[in-house]
Amino acid sequence: MRITLDLPHLKPATDTTNAKYRRRVPDHLVAVFGKRNVEWSLKTKDPAKIIEAWEIAHARFEAMAARRTNVSLEQIKWEIVQKAAIEHGLATPRHTQIGPVDFEQEQGRYQAFTNAVLLEAEKLSSQQMKAKLSNSPAPSGFNLLLEAQIKGVKRPPVTLRDASDGYLRDREARATYRDIQKQVGLIVTGIEEAIEQENPVLEALTYEHAYAYRDSLRDKGNAISTIKRRMNTVNAVLHHSRKRFNLKGWDNPFEGIELPQDDGTAGEVKRSSLSLDDIRKTIPHLANMNSDASDIWVLMMFTGAGPNELRGLHWGEVFLDHPVPHVEIRANGSRRLKTGERPRRVPLVGAARRMMQRRAESKGISDPANPVFPRYASKQNSNTLSAVLIKMMKAAEVWEKGRKVPYSLRHTLKNYLRRTAPPNFQLLIFGHGHGEGGSASGYGDDDLLDMQAEYLEEAVRLWGVHEFPVTSDSR
């Protein structure tokens, strides 16, 4: 029996083909997408996996549509004509100008352009064919190649927004795309504000501009670590653009900029651990929260995972019947990881295991693609969840701005694991890296998960929270 999924823009799987995300491109975006319809394979026929893949594809389309409306028309036209010229062997990615072609001096090349223009004309829809050139039709390979043949088309100056667009476009398939997009948006807005120029040309940026942006970050009271992250993002975008747009001889003025320095504490508030007494104070207040939030709190305490990693957990990522019950933390359609490098399996021990078993029994697991914590899985980020957790901590009088926060649970567990687990197992559990090798070194059918569970259980016992009360079944 085939399961029918009621999802917009979904082309169902057949016996021989995978499901697809198929969507008509709005008329005003045809030029930037380069086509009137997109059809992306979801690379699966499994209904549970289709839902997750559809969510990623849908978010990808929406992000592309929102982002590309900010790209300059001249850059859009250049990309269209460049793509068409390369396809027909008339240019290479390193060319910065295409055409014009002199009929008398370059008859062979002129004919090659003519043939390419005719082939591009065959791709036009009937509506595009009827549009008159005098009416400024949407740019296409046909009219832009014709323009290049007669007048020539030069690559426009690359702007900051063009650079960010190119950088993001190469990361559209990343599960962490939303976060990458957010970080890039912050640096673009920040640079424009700092130098008081909207969408500056890259080659016009100077060292004075770079220092102005750095100083603006410092003047806003950002921590040194935040300033470093922002500058790293700027350099990532600009390094990508130097290669992507073949900016020969251009030096990135942000590269090598000296960052503010301190003695390791100035300007930054260090997070503190939560003591056993702090944890005890929170217990009466957990009952005042919704069950999703209180259970996420328990899971944070026993796994060291962050709120954004746990809020989007799917039942297909919970393995209660495994010899070592555990959860798999990875990017999916509902949530990202803090970085793209921390997918991992974490054992469920003590109260966390009991809580997940009770939740599974009370909620039921009818579909592995269903979220474990539906109240927060559909949110774009963890802000709502964090606000609820902070409110609880304030009520328990254990919250201290910047010092004792929900994420302090991770720091506390880390402190106790230092006493019970070798460094490589600490890395496995927290996902900073996976022991002696890459992230896959903790996966497979070996006994590492058993050993992780032993170390983790010893740590929470040492902390004194192993028998932490679980109340989700009573609400």
Protein backbone atom coordinates (compact mmCIF):
# COMPACT_ATOMS: atom_id res chain seq x y z
CA MET A 1 0.00 0.00 0.00
CA ARG A 2 1.42 3.38 -0.99
CA ILE A 3 1.19 6.19 1.58
CA THR A 4 -0.10 9.51 0.25
CA LEU A 5 1.67 12.59 1.59
CA ASP A 6 -0.19 15.89 1.48
CA LEU A 7 2.73 18.26 0.86
CA PRO A 8 2.70 21.18 -1.58
CA HIS A 9 5.10 21.02 -4.51
CA LEU A 10 5.68 17.28 -3.94
CA LYS A 11 5.90 15.00 -6.94
CA PRO A 12 5.25 11.56 -5.43
CA ALA A 13 7.63 8.68 -5.80
CA THR A 14 6.81 5.89 -8.21
CA ASP A 15 8.00 2.30 -8.36
CA THR A 16 10.99 3.39 -10.42
CA THR A 17 11.69 7.01 -9.40
CA ASN A 18 12.34 8.92 -6.19
CA ALA A 19 10.03 11.65 -4.93
CA LYS A 20 10.77 15.17 -6.18
CA TYR A 21 10.25 18.74 -5.08
CA ARG A 22 8.68 20.41 -8.14
CA ARG A 23 7.69 24.05 -8.16
CA ARG A 24 6.88 26.78 -10.64
CA VAL A 25 9.22 29.75 -10.44
CA PRO A 26 7.41 33.11 -10.15
CA ASP A 27 7.76 35.27 -13.27
CA HIS A 28 9.88 37.90 -11.50
CA LEU A 29 12.38 35.23 -10.45
CA VAL A 30 12.70 33.33 -13.73
CA ALA A 31 15.79 35.29 -14.64
CA VAL A 32 17.59 34.54 -11.42
CA PHE A 33 16.65 30.85 -11.29
CA GLY A 34 17.35 30.47 -15.00
CA LYS A 35 14.24 28.34 -15.49
CA ARG A 36 10.47 28.42 -15.13
CA ASN A 37 10.28 25.31 -12.96
CA VAL A 38 12.60 23.64 -10.51
CA GLU A 39 12.53 19.90 -9.98
CA TRP A 40 14.86 18.56 -7.30
CA SER A 41 15.10 14.88 -6.49
CA LEU A 42 14.49 14.09 -2.82
CA LYS A 43 16.61 10.96 -3.34
CA THR A 44 14.23 8.62 -1.52
CA LYS A 45 10.97 6.72 -1.83
CA ASP A 46 10.58 6.20 1.93
CA PRO A 47 7.63 8.34 3.19
CA ALA A 48 9.37 9.07 6.50
CA LYS A 49 12.50 10.28 4.77
CA ILE A 50 10.50 12.15 2.10
CA ILE A 51 9.03 14.48 4.74
CA GLU A 52 12.47 15.42 6.03
CA ALA A 53 13.95 15.83 2.54
CA TRP A 54 10.92 17.91 1.46
CA GLU A 55 11.39 20.27 4.41
CA ILE A 56 15.02 20.85 3.44
CA ALA A 57 14.15 21.38 -0.25
CA HIS A 58 11.28 23.74 0.61
CA ALA A 59 13.50 25.81 2.90
CA ARG A 60 16.14 25.86 0.18
CA PHE A 61 13.70 27.24 -2.42
CA GLU A 62 12.34 29.89 -0.07
CA ALA A 63 15.84 30.97 0.94
CA MET A 64 16.99 31.15 -2.67
CA ALA A 65 13.95 33.20 -3.69
CA ALA A 66 14.37 35.62 -0.79
CA ARG A 67 18.11 35.99 -1.27
CA ARG A 68 18.25 36.34 -5.02
CA THR A 69 15.84 39.24 -5.09
CA ASN A 70 18.69 41.27 -3.54
CA VAL A 71 21.18 40.53 -6.31
CA SER A 72 21.82 43.33 -8.78
CA LEU A 73 20.16 42.97 -12.19
CA GLU A 74 23.51 43.51 -13.93
CA GLN A 75 25.03 40.60 -12.00
CA ILE A 76 22.05 38.41 -12.84
CA LYS A 77 22.40 39.23 -16.55
CA TRP A 78 26.12 38.51 -16.46
CA GLU A 79 25.58 35.11 -14.86
CA ILE A 80 22.96 34.21 -17.47
CA VAL A 81 25.10 35.20 -20.45
CA GLN A 82 28.23 33.65 -18.93
CA LYS A 83 26.46 30.34 -18.35
CA ALA A 84 25.07 30.31 -21.90
CA ALA A 85 28.43 31.26 -23.45
CA ILE A 86 30.25 28.53 -21.52
CA GLU A 87 27.65 25.93 -22.50
CA HIS A 88 28.19 26.76 -26.17
CA GLY A 89 31.96 26.90 -25.94
CA LEU A 90 32.13 30.64 -26.50
CA ALA A 91 33.78 31.55 -23.19
CA THR A 92 35.39 30.12 -20.08
CA PRO A 93 34.71 30.90 -16.40
CA ARG A 94 37.84 33.10 -16.39
CA HIS A 95 36.54 35.51 -19.03
CA THR A 96 35.46 38.92 -17.75
CA GLN A 97 33.99 40.06 -21.06
CA ILE A 98 32.03 38.20 -23.74
CA GLY A 99 31.94 39.71 -27.25
CA PRO A 100 31.56 41.75 -29.31
CA VAL A 101 32.41 39.73 -32.41
CA ASP A 102 33.53 41.39 -35.65
CA PHE A 103 31.79 39.77 -38.64
CA GLU A 104 34.59 40.72 -41.04
CA GLN A 105 37.51 39.67 -38.83
CA GLU A 106 36.00 36.68 -36.97
CA GLN A 107 33.54 35.04 -39.34
CA GLY A 108 33.90 31.60 -37.76
CA ARG A 109 33.34 32.89 -34.24
CA TYR A 110 30.52 35.12 -35.46
CA GLN A 111 28.78 32.06 -36.93
CA ALA A 112 29.33 30.15 -33.69
CA PHE A 113 27.57 32.95 -31.79
CA THR A 114 24.73 32.96 -34.32
CA ASN A 115 24.25 29.22 -33.92
CA ALA A 116 24.26 29.56 -30.13
CA VAL A 117 21.68 32.37 -30.26
CA LEU A 118 19.39 30.19 -32.40
CA LEU A 119 19.76 27.27 -29.99
CA GLU A 120 18.92 29.55 -27.06
CA ALA A 121 15.87 30.81 -28.97
CA GLU A 122 14.56 27.25 -29.08
CA LYS A 123 14.50 27.19 -25.28
CA LEU A 124 12.15 30.17 -25.04
CA SER A 125 8.53 29.68 -24.11
CA SER A 126 5.80 30.89 -26.45
CA GLN A 127 5.20 33.85 -24.15
CA GLN A 128 8.87 34.82 -24.26
CA MET A 129 8.94 34.42 -28.05
CA LYS A 130 6.07 36.88 -28.42
CA ALA A 131 7.70 39.52 -26.20
CA LYS A 132 9.28 42.34 -28.15
CA LEU A 133 12.87 43.29 -27.44
CA SER A 134 11.75 46.92 -27.26
CA ASN A 135 9.54 46.02 -24.28
CA SER A 136 12.54 44.96 -22.15
CA PRO A 137 11.69 41.28 -21.73
CA ALA A 138 13.16 39.29 -18.86
CA PRO A 139 16.83 38.54 -19.58
CA SER A 140 17.48 35.17 -21.18
CA GLY A 141 20.37 33.35 -22.81
CA PHE A 142 18.88 34.27 -26.18
CA ASN A 143 18.76 38.07 -25.90
CA LEU A 144 21.94 38.34 -23.83
CA LEU A 145 24.04 36.24 -26.21
CA LEU A 146 22.69 38.35 -29.05
CA GLU A 147 23.70 41.47 -27.14
CA ALA A 148 27.15 40.00 -26.45
CA GLN A 149 27.61 39.15 -30.13
CA ILE A 150 26.80 42.68 -31.28
CA LYS A 151 27.80 45.00 -28.42
CA GLY A 152 29.71 42.83 -25.98
CA VAL A 153 28.85 42.21 -22.33
CA LYS A 154 31.27 42.95 -19.49
CA ARG A 155 31.18 41.43 -16.07
CA PRO A 156 29.85 44.14 -13.74
CA PRO A 157 31.86 45.14 -10.67
CA VAL A 158 31.37 42.52 -7.96
CA THR A 159 29.55 43.99 -4.98
CA LEU A 160 29.42 42.81 -1.39
CA ARG A 161 25.92 41.44 -1.88
CA ASP A 162 27.00 39.65 -5.06
CA ALA A 163 29.79 38.08 -3.04
CA SER A 164 27.44 36.95 -0.28
CA ASP A 165 25.00 35.62 -2.87
CA GLY A 166 27.68 33.51 -4.53
CA TYR A 167 28.91 32.20 -1.19
CA LEU A 168 25.42 31.23 -0.06
CA ARG A 169 24.50 29.67 -3.39
CA ASP A 170 27.29 27.12 -3.00
CA ARG A 171 25.87 26.18 0.40
CA GLU A 172 22.17 25.92 -0.40
CA ALA A 173 22.13 22.15 0.10
CA ARG A 174 23.66 22.36 3.57
CA ALA A 175 21.37 21.39 6.44
CA THR A 176 22.86 24.35 8.33
CA TYR A 177 21.99 26.76 5.51
CA ARG A 178 19.65 28.93 7.58
CA ASP A 179 22.33 29.61 10.15
CA ILE A 180 24.96 30.29 7.47
CA GLN A 181 22.54 32.69 5.79
CA LYS A 182 21.95 34.47 9.10
CA GLN A 183 25.66 34.86 9.81
CA VAL A 184 26.38 36.18 6.31
CA GLY A 185 23.48 38.61 6.58
CA LEU A 186 24.91 39.97 9.82
CA ILE A 187 28.30 40.74 8.31
CA VAL A 188 26.84 42.32 5.16
CA THR A 189 24.59 44.63 7.19
CA GLY A 190 27.39 45.35 9.66
CA ILE A 191 29.91 46.34 6.98
CA GLU A 192 27.40 48.55 5.17
CA GLU A 193 26.57 50.35 8.43
CA ALA A 194 30.22 50.70 9.51
CA ILE A 195 31.44 52.25 6.24
CA GLU A 196 28.16 54.05 5.51
CA GLN A 197 27.89 52.62 2.00
CA GLU A 198 25.13 50.44 0.63
CA ASN A 199 26.35 47.37 -1.24
CA PRO A 200 29.93 48.53 -1.87
CA VAL A 201 32.03 47.17 -4.73
CA LEU A 202 34.52 44.62 -3.42
CA GLU A 203 37.49 46.11 -5.21
CA ALA A 204 36.70 49.50 -3.62
CA LEU A 205 36.96 48.13 -0.07
CA THR A 206 40.02 49.34 1.83
CA TYR A 207 41.90 48.57 5.03
CA GLU A 208 40.20 51.60 6.56
CA HIS A 209 36.86 49.97 5.84
CA ALA A 210 38.03 46.70 7.39
CA TYR A 211 39.18 48.42 10.58
CA ALA A 212 35.98 50.47 10.68
CA TYR A 213 33.94 47.26 10.70
CA ARG A 214 36.18 45.67 13.32
CA ASP A 215 35.91 48.73 15.54
CA SER A 216 32.13 48.87 15.12
CA LEU A 217 31.89 45.32 16.46
CA ARG A 218 34.03 46.24 19.45
CA ASP A 219 32.09 49.45 20.10
CA LYS A 220 28.83 47.50 20.26
CA GLY A 221 30.25 45.53 23.19
CA ASN A 222 30.70 42.22 21.39
CA ALA A 223 32.89 39.62 23.04
CA ILE A 224 36.30 39.00 21.50
CA SER A 225 35.14 35.54 20.41
CA THR A 226 32.15 37.08 18.60
CA ILE A 227 34.38 39.57 16.78
CA LYS A 228 36.63 36.72 15.67
CA ARG A 229 33.66 34.76 14.33
CA ARG A 230 32.35 37.75 12.40
CA MET A 231 35.76 38.48 10.85
CA ASN A 232 36.19 34.80 9.97
CA THR A 233 32.83 34.87 8.18
CA VAL A 234 33.84 38.02 6.26
CA ASN A 235 37.07 36.38 5.14
CA ALA A 236 35.30 33.16 4.15
CA VAL A 237 32.90 35.12 1.91
CA LEU A 238 35.62 37.27 0.36
CA HIS A 239 38.06 34.38 -0.21
CA HIS A 240 35.26 32.49 -1.96
CA SER A 241 34.49 35.52 -4.14
CA ARG A 242 38.09 36.04 -5.15
CA LYS A 243 38.05 32.58 -6.73
CA ARG A 244 34.41 32.56 -7.80
CA PHE A 245 34.65 35.84 -9.71
CA ASN A 246 38.32 35.50 -10.73
CA LEU A 247 39.35 38.76 -9.10
CA LYS A 248 42.96 38.78 -10.25
CA GLY A 249 45.29 41.07 -8.37
CA TRP A 250 42.70 41.95 -5.74
CA ASP A 251 43.84 41.80 -2.12
CA ASN A 252 41.22 41.17 0.52
CA PRO A 253 41.65 44.10 2.95
CA PHE A 254 40.02 42.13 5.78
CA GLU A 255 42.69 39.43 5.63
CA GLY A 256 45.25 39.71 8.40
CA ILE A 257 43.46 42.51 10.22
CA GLU A 258 44.65 42.53 13.83
CA LEU A 259 41.85 41.72 16.21
CA PRO A 260 41.25 43.32 19.61
CA GLN A 261 43.10 41.55 22.41
CA ASP A 262 42.45 41.05 26.10
CA ASP A 263 43.82 39.00 28.95
CA GLY A 264 41.37 36.20 28.38
CA THR A 265 38.63 37.61 30.60
CA ALA A 266 38.11 41.26 29.66
CA GLY A 267 34.90 41.87 27.75
CA GLU A 268 33.65 38.31 28.18
CA VAL A 269 31.56 36.79 30.93
CA LYS A 270 32.56 33.20 31.54
CA ARG A 271 29.75 30.72 32.00
CA SER A 272 29.53 28.96 35.34
CA SER A 273 28.48 25.41 36.09
CA LEU A 274 25.22 24.58 37.82
CA SER A 275 25.79 23.02 41.19
CA LEU A 276 23.72 20.17 42.59
CA ASP A 277 22.01 22.73 44.83
CA ASP A 278 21.14 24.81 41.72
CA ILE A 279 19.62 21.73 40.10
CA ARG A 280 17.57 20.96 43.20
CA LYS A 281 16.19 24.50 43.18
CA THR A 282 14.87 24.03 39.63
CA ILE A 283 12.91 20.85 40.38
CA PRO A 284 9.72 22.46 41.78
CA HIS A 285 9.63 24.90 38.86
CA LEU A 286 9.86 22.29 36.11
CA ALA A 287 6.25 21.36 36.81
CA ASN A 288 5.22 24.87 35.77
CA MET A 289 6.68 24.43 32.27
CA ASN A 290 5.18 22.53 29.39
CA SER A 291 6.34 18.92 29.18
CA ASP A 292 8.38 19.47 26.01
CA ALA A 293 10.50 22.15 27.69
CA SER A 294 10.99 20.27 30.96
CA ASP A 295 11.94 17.06 29.15
CA ILE A 296 14.41 18.92 26.94
CA TRP A 297 15.96 20.30 30.15
CA VAL A 298 16.45 16.75 31.42
CA LEU A 299 17.92 15.63 28.10
CA MET A 300 20.32 18.60 28.06
CA MET A 301 21.46 17.68 31.57
CA PHE A 302 22.20 14.05 30.70
CA THR A 303 23.56 14.37 27.14
CA GLY A 304 25.35 17.73 27.08
CA ALA A 305 23.50 18.62 23.89
CA GLY A 306 22.29 22.15 23.24
CA PRO A 307 18.63 23.24 23.07
CA ASN A 308 18.77 23.77 19.31
CA GLU A 309 20.15 20.27 18.80
CA LEU A 310 17.42 18.63 20.88
CA ARG A 311 14.29 20.60 20.00
CA GLY A 312 14.12 19.09 16.51
CA LEU A 313 14.84 15.49 17.51
CA HIS A 314 12.77 12.97 15.51
CA TRP A 315 11.59 9.61 16.82
CA GLY A 316 13.62 7.97 14.09
CA GLU A 317 16.70 9.32 15.88
CA VAL A 318 15.77 7.73 19.22
CA PHE A 319 16.88 4.13 19.76
CA LEU A 320 15.34 2.84 22.99
CA ASP A 321 15.48 -0.84 21.95
CA HIS A 322 19.16 -0.75 21.09
CA PRO A 323 21.50 -2.69 23.44
CA VAL A 324 22.72 0.75 24.47
CA PRO A 325 19.72 3.12 24.34
CA HIS A 326 20.78 6.36 22.72
CA VAL A 327 19.81 9.33 20.58
CA GLU A 328 21.42 10.31 17.32
CA ILE A 329 22.12 14.02 17.05
CA ARG A 330 22.42 15.17 13.47
CA ALA A 331 21.10 17.91 11.23
CA ASN A 332 17.65 17.28 9.82
CA GLY A 333 14.74 19.22 8.37
CA SER A 334 13.66 20.49 11.80
CA ARG A 335 16.92 21.68 13.24
CA ARG A 336 20.59 22.26 12.64
CA LEU A 337 23.65 21.48 14.72
CA LYS A 338 25.68 24.24 16.31
CA THR A 339 28.34 23.56 13.70
CA GLY A 340 28.35 21.27 10.71
CA GLU A 341 30.87 18.97 12.40
CA ARG A 342 29.12 17.51 15.43
CA PRO A 343 26.82 14.64 14.34
CA ARG A 344 27.03 12.00 17.03
CA ARG A 345 25.31 9.30 19.07
CA VAL A 346 24.87 9.90 22.77
CA PRO A 347 23.80 7.20 25.26
CA LEU A 348 20.67 7.66 27.35
CA VAL A 349 21.37 7.01 31.01
CA GLY A 350 19.59 7.60 34.28
CA ALA A 351 16.67 10.00 34.26
CA ALA A 352 17.12 10.77 30.54
CA ARG A 353 16.46 7.15 29.62
CA ARG A 354 13.44 6.92 31.91
CA MET A 355 12.05 10.17 30.56
CA MET A 356 12.35 9.09 26.92
CA GLN A 357 10.76 5.71 27.64
CA ARG A 358 7.80 7.35 29.36
CA ARG A 359 7.42 9.90 26.58
CA ALA A 360 7.48 7.14 23.95
CA GLU A 361 4.82 5.20 25.83
CA SER A 362 2.55 8.20 26.37
CA LYS A 363 2.97 9.86 22.97
CA GLY A 364 3.37 6.79 20.83
CA ILE A 365 5.79 6.43 17.91
CA SER A 366 3.58 6.08 14.85
CA ASP A 367 5.99 7.72 12.43
CA PRO A 368 9.79 7.95 12.77
CA ALA A 369 9.66 11.37 11.10
CA ASN A 370 7.46 12.80 13.86
CA PRO A 371 9.21 15.20 16.23
CA VAL A 372 9.83 14.14 19.82
CA PHE A 373 9.16 17.69 21.00
CA PRO A 374 6.52 19.03 18.55
CA ARG A 375 6.01 22.32 20.40
CA TYR A 376 9.49 23.52 19.41
CA ALA A 377 10.43 21.43 16.36
CA SER A 378 8.57 23.72 13.95
CA LYS A 379 10.21 26.91 15.23
CA GLN A 380 12.88 28.53 13.07
CA ASN A 381 15.30 28.67 15.99
CA SER A 382 15.56 27.89 19.70
CA ASN A 383 14.75 31.41 20.95
CA THR A 384 11.28 30.46 22.23
CA LEU A 385 12.59 27.39 24.01
CA SER A 386 15.50 29.32 25.53
CA ALA A 387 13.11 31.98 26.84
CA VAL A 388 11.02 29.33 28.60
CA LEU A 389 14.09 27.70 30.15
CA ILE A 390 15.49 31.04 31.30
CA LYS A 391 12.15 32.00 32.84
CA MET A 392 12.22 28.77 34.85
CA MET A 393 15.80 29.41 36.00
CA LYS A 394 14.87 32.94 37.09
CA ALA A 395 11.92 31.60 39.08
CA ALA A 396 14.30 29.14 40.75
CA GLU A 397 16.74 32.02 41.42
CA VAL A 398 19.66 30.24 39.76
CA TRP A 399 19.94 32.36 36.61
CA GLU A 400 22.79 34.86 36.31
CA LYS A 401 23.08 36.92 33.14
CA GLY A 402 25.79 35.48 30.91
CA ARG A 403 27.07 33.18 33.67
CA LYS A 404 24.37 30.72 34.61
CA VAL A 405 22.17 29.98 31.62
CA PRO A 406 20.53 26.84 30.15
CA TYR A 407 23.73 26.07 28.24
CA SER A 408 25.52 25.85 31.61
CA LEU A 409 24.19 22.29 31.84
CA ARG A 410 26.62 21.35 29.08
CA HIS A 411 29.53 23.02 30.89
CA THR A 412 28.65 21.23 34.13
CA LEU A 413 28.48 17.80 32.51
CA LYS A 414 31.79 18.53 30.80
CA ASN A 415 33.40 19.26 34.16
CA TYR A 416 32.35 15.91 35.61
CA LEU A 417 33.27 14.00 32.46
CA ARG A 418 36.79 15.35 32.81
CA ARG A 419 36.98 13.32 36.02
CA THR A 420 35.52 10.10 34.63
CA ALA A 421 36.28 9.88 30.90
CA PRO A 422 39.46 10.02 28.77
CA PRO A 423 39.67 13.08 26.47
CA ASN A 424 38.76 11.14 23.32
CA PHE A 425 35.49 9.97 24.89
CA GLN A 426 34.68 13.48 26.00
CA LEU A 427 35.03 14.50 22.37
CA LEU A 428 32.76 11.65 21.25
CA ILE A 429 29.99 12.64 23.66
CA PHE A 430 30.15 16.38 23.07
CA GLY A 431 30.80 16.24 19.33
CA HIS A 432 33.76 18.64 19.23
CA GLY A 433 35.57 15.98 17.21
CA HIS A 434 35.60 12.23 17.33
CA GLY A 435 38.64 10.92 19.06
CA GLU A 436 41.59 10.05 16.92
CA GLY A 437 39.87 10.67 13.61
CA GLY A 438 36.89 12.08 11.83
CA SER A 439 33.30 12.09 12.95
CA ALA A 440 32.72 8.52 11.82
CA SER A 441 35.16 7.03 14.33
CA GLY A 442 32.43 6.75 16.94
CA TYR A 443 29.97 5.00 14.61
CA GLY A 444 29.63 1.35 13.67
CA ASP A 445 29.14 -1.91 15.54
CA ASP A 446 32.06 -1.60 17.92
CA ASP A 447 31.73 -1.14 21.68
CA LEU A 448 32.45 2.59 21.88
CA LEU A 449 28.81 3.39 22.62
CA ASP A 450 28.91 0.95 25.56
CA MET A 451 31.99 2.67 26.88
CA GLN A 452 30.47 6.11 26.37
CA ALA A 453 27.47 5.01 28.44
CA GLU A 454 29.71 3.80 31.27
CA TYR A 455 31.64 7.06 31.44
CA LEU A 456 28.49 9.16 31.12
CA GLU A 457 26.67 7.29 33.87
CA GLU A 458 29.64 7.62 36.18
CA ALA A 459 29.74 11.37 35.53
CA VAL A 460 26.06 12.02 36.30
CA ARG A 461 26.35 9.90 39.45
CA LEU A 462 29.33 11.97 40.52
CA TRP A 463 27.29 15.12 39.81
CA GLY A 464 24.49 13.64 41.94
CA VAL A 465 21.70 13.94 39.35
CA HIS A 466 21.41 10.30 38.25
CA GLU A 467 18.07 9.90 40.05
CA PHE A 468 16.76 13.28 38.90
CA PRO A 469 12.93 13.19 39.10
CA VAL A 470 11.10 12.72 35.81
CA THR A 471 7.58 14.09 35.81
CA SER A 472 6.58 14.13 32.12
CA ASP A 473 4.18 11.18 32.59
CA SER A 474 2.13 13.11 35.14
CA ARG A 475 1.25 16.04 32.84
